[in-house]
Amino acid sequence: MPKNTGITYGIRVSAQKGGVGTTTIAINLAAALGLMGKKVLLLDLNPFKPSVASYMGLPNSKVGFFDVLFDGAELKDAVVEHSPTGIDVVASSKPLEWTRVLGGLVGKKTDFERIVPEITALGHDFVITDAPIGYINEDMVKNFNEGLVVLSPELSAFDVTPKLVAQYAKLGVSYHVVVNDIGSEKASVDVKKIEEEFGNKVVAELPHDNVVKKSIDLHIPAVLVDNKSNFSKKITELAEYYADK
């Protein structure tokens, strides 16, 4: 999050298209940093399909992020520790109705500014979010140091990702790009073409790896299922990149 908040680094993991692995990357990046000894807070900011708790094998929380944002619940009451990695997680307790999202999230201002001091008080090195698809709220975007934009080497993802990148640039928010699921059957865009489009903004290229599906089925982060898998090695390299910041 912005340096004046006292939080070392806030990363908004996001995508313009669904199904490219945003949740997988947010969880495993957070887990890899936690295994390195970093203090990490992982926020599930997806109002429609919150899945972080399920993916990580955590119990359904009675208090979720949007209870804090909209209903005045305290952030500390929503934090659950994921003991295998040592990271803290704030999940979303349930999907929101479209009318609630339109009324409370779409636009420039939310109560997110109110929550920033509470996040700061928790004292984490990193705050990582699993963000909803596309751009929803300027206020919430600008409260992070950078956006980590995820796309897969599919034409449908490649074609729309520049829209999200342009929104970050317009807001003056730094961003980097992760290419996920390289080598899958659905891949239709050469990675070199993606590198040409986004240049040195590409910070990680993650391979298609069966460990990801296995980890989802087991409700355990991939870096714990098999830390020697190709995916786990690459996501750990990405975590090392951020750990050096």
Protein backbone atom coordinates (compact mmCIF):
# COMPACT_ATOMS: atom_id res chain seq x y z
CA MET A 1 0.00 0.00 0.00
CA PRO A 2 1.22 3.59 -0.38
CA LYS A 3 4.33 4.10 1.69
CA ASN A 4 2.79 6.78 3.87
CA THR A 5 0.41 4.19 5.30
CA GLY A 6 3.29 2.42 7.03
CA ILE A 7 2.61 -0.81 5.18
CA THR A 8 5.68 -2.05 3.36
CA TYR A 9 4.02 -3.14 0.13
CA GLY A 10 0.50 -3.62 -1.19
CA ILE A 11 -0.08 -5.77 -4.28
CA ARG A 12 -3.43 -5.90 -6.06
CA VAL A 13 -3.52 -9.17 -8.03
CA SER A 14 -5.99 -8.61 -10.83
CA ALA A 15 -7.08 -9.55 -14.34
CA GLN A 16 -9.35 -8.26 -17.07
CA LYS A 17 -10.64 -11.75 -17.88
CA GLY A 18 -11.82 -14.48 -15.55
CA GLY A 19 -10.34 -17.96 -15.41
CA VAL A 20 -6.70 -16.94 -15.86
CA GLY A 21 -5.54 -17.91 -12.35
CA THR A 22 -5.76 -14.69 -10.36
CA THR A 23 -6.81 -16.42 -7.14
CA THR A 24 -4.19 -19.15 -7.58
CA ILE A 25 -1.44 -16.58 -7.99
CA ALA A 26 -2.59 -14.34 -5.12
CA ILE A 27 -2.74 -17.29 -2.74
CA ASN A 28 0.53 -18.89 -3.76
CA LEU A 29 2.44 -15.60 -3.87
CA ALA A 30 1.21 -14.84 -0.36
CA ALA A 31 2.01 -18.37 0.80
CA ALA A 32 5.51 -18.30 -0.71
CA LEU A 33 6.27 -14.98 1.00
CA GLY A 34 4.92 -16.37 4.27
CA LEU A 35 7.19 -19.40 4.00
CA MET A 36 10.11 -16.98 3.60
CA GLY A 37 9.25 -15.50 6.98
CA LYS A 38 7.46 -12.41 5.71
CA LYS A 39 4.35 -11.17 7.51
CA VAL A 40 1.58 -11.29 4.92
CA LEU A 41 -2.08 -10.31 4.93
CA LEU A 42 -4.16 -11.83 2.11
CA LEU A 43 -7.48 -10.11 1.35
CA ASP A 44 -10.26 -11.67 -0.70
CA LEU A 45 -11.78 -8.65 -2.46
CA ASN A 46 -13.91 -10.59 -4.93
CA PRO A 47 -17.51 -9.62 -4.18
CA PHE A 48 -19.06 -12.12 -6.59
CA LYS A 49 -17.09 -15.37 -6.30
CA PRO A 50 -15.03 -15.28 -3.10
CA SER A 51 -12.93 -18.45 -3.08
CA VAL A 52 -9.76 -17.78 -1.08
CA ALA A 53 -11.03 -19.50 2.09
CA SER A 54 -12.15 -22.59 0.20
CA TYR A 55 -8.92 -22.81 -1.79
CA MET A 56 -6.85 -22.64 1.40
CA GLY A 57 -8.98 -25.05 3.41
CA LEU A 58 -10.07 -22.39 5.88
CA PRO A 59 -13.47 -22.48 7.62
CA ASN A 60 -16.16 -20.12 6.41
CA SER A 61 -15.68 -16.87 8.23
CA LYS A 62 -18.60 -15.27 10.01
CA VAL A 63 -16.96 -11.89 9.45
CA GLY A 64 -15.59 -11.13 6.00
CA PHE A 65 -13.94 -8.22 4.24
CA PHE A 66 -17.18 -6.68 3.01
CA ASP A 67 -18.69 -6.89 6.49
CA VAL A 68 -15.81 -4.64 7.51
CA LEU A 69 -16.16 -2.35 4.50
CA PHE A 70 -19.95 -1.95 4.52
CA ASP A 71 -21.27 -2.93 7.93
CA GLY A 72 -18.74 -1.58 10.42
CA ALA A 73 -17.28 -4.90 11.59
CA GLU A 74 -13.72 -4.71 12.92
CA LEU A 75 -10.95 -5.95 10.67
CA LYS A 76 -9.21 -7.84 13.48
CA ASP A 77 -12.33 -9.97 13.90
CA ALA A 78 -12.14 -11.04 10.25
CA VAL A 79 -8.49 -12.16 10.29
CA VAL A 80 -7.85 -15.91 10.25
CA GLU A 81 -4.35 -17.42 10.39
CA HIS A 82 -3.39 -20.04 7.84
CA SER A 83 -1.07 -21.96 10.15
CA PRO A 84 0.83 -24.01 7.51
CA THR A 85 2.21 -20.81 5.93
CA GLY A 86 1.83 -18.36 8.82
CA ILE A 87 -0.04 -15.82 6.72
CA ASP A 88 -3.16 -13.98 7.82
CA VAL A 89 -6.28 -14.14 5.66
CA VAL A 90 -9.37 -11.98 5.48
CA ALA A 91 -11.87 -13.85 3.34
CA SER A 92 -15.24 -12.76 2.04
CA SER A 93 -17.99 -14.40 4.04
CA LYS A 94 -20.46 -14.66 1.15
CA PRO A 95 -21.07 -13.36 -2.39
CA LEU A 96 -22.68 -9.94 -2.61
CA GLU A 97 -25.79 -9.03 -4.53
CA TRP A 98 -25.21 -6.94 -7.65
CA THR A 99 -27.23 -4.08 -6.16
CA ARG A 100 -24.94 -4.00 -3.11
CA VAL A 101 -21.86 -3.89 -5.30
CA LEU A 102 -23.26 -1.17 -7.55
CA GLY A 103 -24.24 0.92 -4.56
CA GLY A 104 -21.10 0.42 -2.52
CA LEU A 105 -18.19 -0.25 -4.84
CA VAL A 106 -18.69 1.24 -8.28
CA GLY A 107 -17.44 4.81 -8.30
CA LYS A 108 -14.46 6.73 -6.99
CA LYS A 109 -14.90 6.61 -3.22
CA THR A 110 -15.58 3.88 -0.68
CA ASP A 111 -14.89 3.46 3.00
CA PHE A 112 -11.65 1.69 2.13
CA GLU A 113 -9.66 4.71 3.32
CA ARG A 114 -11.19 4.10 6.76
CA ILE A 115 -9.86 0.55 6.80
CA VAL A 116 -6.29 1.46 5.79
CA PRO A 117 -5.24 2.49 9.34
CA GLU A 118 -6.66 -0.79 10.67
CA ILE A 119 -4.60 -2.71 8.11
CA THR A 120 -1.52 -0.69 9.04
CA ALA A 121 -2.00 -1.47 12.72
CA LEU A 122 -1.76 -5.20 11.99
CA GLY A 123 1.88 -4.67 11.02
CA HIS A 124 2.32 -6.85 7.94
CA ASP A 125 5.19 -6.64 5.47
CA PHE A 126 2.89 -7.33 2.51
CA VAL A 127 -0.80 -6.90 1.83
CA ILE A 128 -1.92 -8.98 -1.16
CA THR A 129 -5.41 -8.97 -2.60
CA ASP A 130 -7.35 -11.28 -4.85
CA ALA A 131 -9.21 -8.55 -6.73
CA PRO A 132 -12.41 -8.84 -8.75
CA ILE A 133 -12.19 -9.10 -12.53
CA GLY A 134 -11.48 -5.82 -14.28
CA TYR A 135 -11.60 -2.37 -12.75
CA ILE A 136 -14.28 -1.54 -10.22
CA ASN A 137 -13.19 1.22 -7.90
CA GLU A 138 -10.55 3.92 -8.25
CA ASP A 139 -10.31 4.50 -4.51
CA MET A 140 -9.42 0.88 -3.77
CA VAL A 141 -6.97 0.61 -6.68
CA LYS A 142 -5.01 3.71 -5.68
CA ASN A 143 -4.50 2.40 -2.15
CA PHE A 144 -2.03 -0.23 -3.37
CA ASN A 145 1.56 0.17 -4.43
CA GLU A 146 1.03 -1.78 -7.60
CA GLY A 147 -1.24 -3.95 -9.66
CA LEU A 148 -0.05 -7.42 -10.59
CA VAL A 149 -1.92 -8.07 -13.84
CA VAL A 150 -2.50 -11.71 -14.72
CA LEU A 151 -3.24 -13.09 -18.15
CA SER A 152 -3.02 -16.47 -19.83
CA PRO A 153 -1.64 -17.00 -23.36
CA GLU A 154 -5.15 -17.12 -24.81
CA LEU A 155 -6.33 -14.61 -27.40
CA SER A 156 -9.41 -13.74 -25.33
CA ALA A 157 -7.18 -12.75 -22.38
CA PHE A 158 -4.45 -11.12 -24.47
CA ASP A 159 -6.90 -8.88 -26.32
CA VAL A 160 -8.55 -7.38 -23.21
CA THR A 161 -5.60 -7.08 -20.80
CA PRO A 162 -4.35 -3.75 -22.26
CA LYS A 163 -7.61 -2.20 -21.02
CA LEU A 164 -6.73 -2.99 -17.40
CA VAL A 165 -3.12 -1.92 -17.91
CA ALA A 166 -4.31 1.41 -19.33
CA GLN A 167 -6.49 1.99 -16.26
CA TYR A 168 -3.52 1.49 -13.93
CA ALA A 169 -1.44 3.86 -16.04
CA LYS A 170 -4.20 6.48 -16.04
CA LEU A 171 -4.38 6.37 -12.26
CA GLY A 172 -0.60 6.58 -11.94
CA VAL A 173 -0.44 3.17 -10.25
CA SER A 174 2.56 0.98 -11.02
CA TYR A 175 1.88 -2.43 -12.50
CA HIS A 176 3.59 -5.63 -13.55
CA VAL A 177 2.37 -8.52 -15.66
CA VAL A 178 2.32 -12.27 -14.99
CA VAL A 179 1.73 -14.73 -17.81
CA ASN A 180 0.09 -17.83 -16.35
CA ASP A 181 -0.66 -21.34 -17.59
CA ILE A 182 1.95 -21.38 -20.36
CA GLY A 183 1.83 -24.60 -22.35
CA SER A 184 -1.80 -25.45 -21.64
CA GLU A 185 -4.08 -26.82 -24.33
CA LYS A 186 -5.92 -23.49 -24.42
CA ALA A 187 -2.78 -21.46 -25.17
CA SER A 188 -3.09 -19.70 -28.53
CA VAL A 189 -0.79 -16.68 -28.20
CA ASP A 190 2.99 -16.97 -28.41
CA VAL A 191 4.64 -15.83 -25.19
CA LYS A 192 7.07 -13.75 -27.26
CA LYS A 193 4.13 -11.72 -28.56
CA ILE A 194 3.03 -11.07 -24.97
CA GLU A 195 6.57 -10.02 -24.06
CA GLU A 196 6.61 -7.63 -27.02
CA GLU A 197 3.29 -6.12 -25.95
CA PHE A 198 4.19 -5.56 -22.29
CA GLY A 199 7.99 -5.41 -22.43
CA ASN A 200 9.86 -5.28 -19.15
CA LYS A 201 6.57 -5.19 -17.23
CA VAL A 202 6.47 -9.01 -17.46
CA VAL A 203 7.90 -10.23 -14.15
CA ALA A 204 6.90 -13.91 -14.23
CA GLU A 205 5.98 -16.63 -16.71
CA LEU A 206 4.24 -19.50 -14.96
CA PRO A 207 3.88 -22.91 -16.62
CA HIS A 208 0.81 -25.09 -16.91
CA ASP A 209 1.30 -27.58 -14.08
CA ASN A 210 -0.93 -30.36 -12.74
CA VAL A 211 0.05 -29.35 -9.21
CA VAL A 212 -2.34 -26.39 -9.50
CA LYS A 213 -5.44 -28.53 -10.02
CA LYS A 214 -4.23 -30.92 -7.34
CA SER A 215 -3.80 -28.06 -4.89
CA ILE A 216 -7.31 -26.78 -5.57
CA ASP A 217 -8.75 -30.26 -5.04
CA LEU A 218 -6.81 -30.63 -1.78
CA HIS A 219 -7.55 -27.06 -0.58
CA ILE A 220 -3.83 -26.53 -0.04
CA PRO A 221 -1.57 -23.94 -1.75
CA ALA A 222 0.50 -25.45 -4.55
CA VAL A 223 3.76 -24.37 -2.90
CA LEU A 224 2.88 -26.70 -0.02
CA VAL A 225 1.63 -29.58 -2.15
CA ASP A 226 4.91 -29.80 -4.08
CA ASN A 227 7.49 -27.07 -3.66
CA LYS A 228 9.67 -28.65 -6.35
CA SER A 229 7.02 -28.48 -9.08
CA ASN A 230 7.68 -26.11 -11.96
CA PHE A 231 4.82 -23.84 -10.94
CA SER A 232 5.96 -23.67 -7.32
CA LYS A 233 9.53 -22.86 -8.35
CA LYS A 234 8.38 -20.00 -10.57
CA ILE A 235 5.95 -18.53 -8.03
CA THR A 236 8.70 -18.72 -5.41
CA GLU A 237 10.99 -16.79 -7.75
CA LEU A 238 8.27 -14.15 -8.04
CA ALA A 239 8.01 -14.02 -4.24
CA GLU A 240 11.78 -13.57 -4.02
CA TYR A 241 11.50 -10.65 -6.45
CA TYR A 242 9.04 -8.92 -4.11
CA ALA A 243 10.85 -9.94 -0.93
CA ASP A 244 13.86 -7.96 -2.13
CA LYS A 245 11.84 -4.73 -2.43
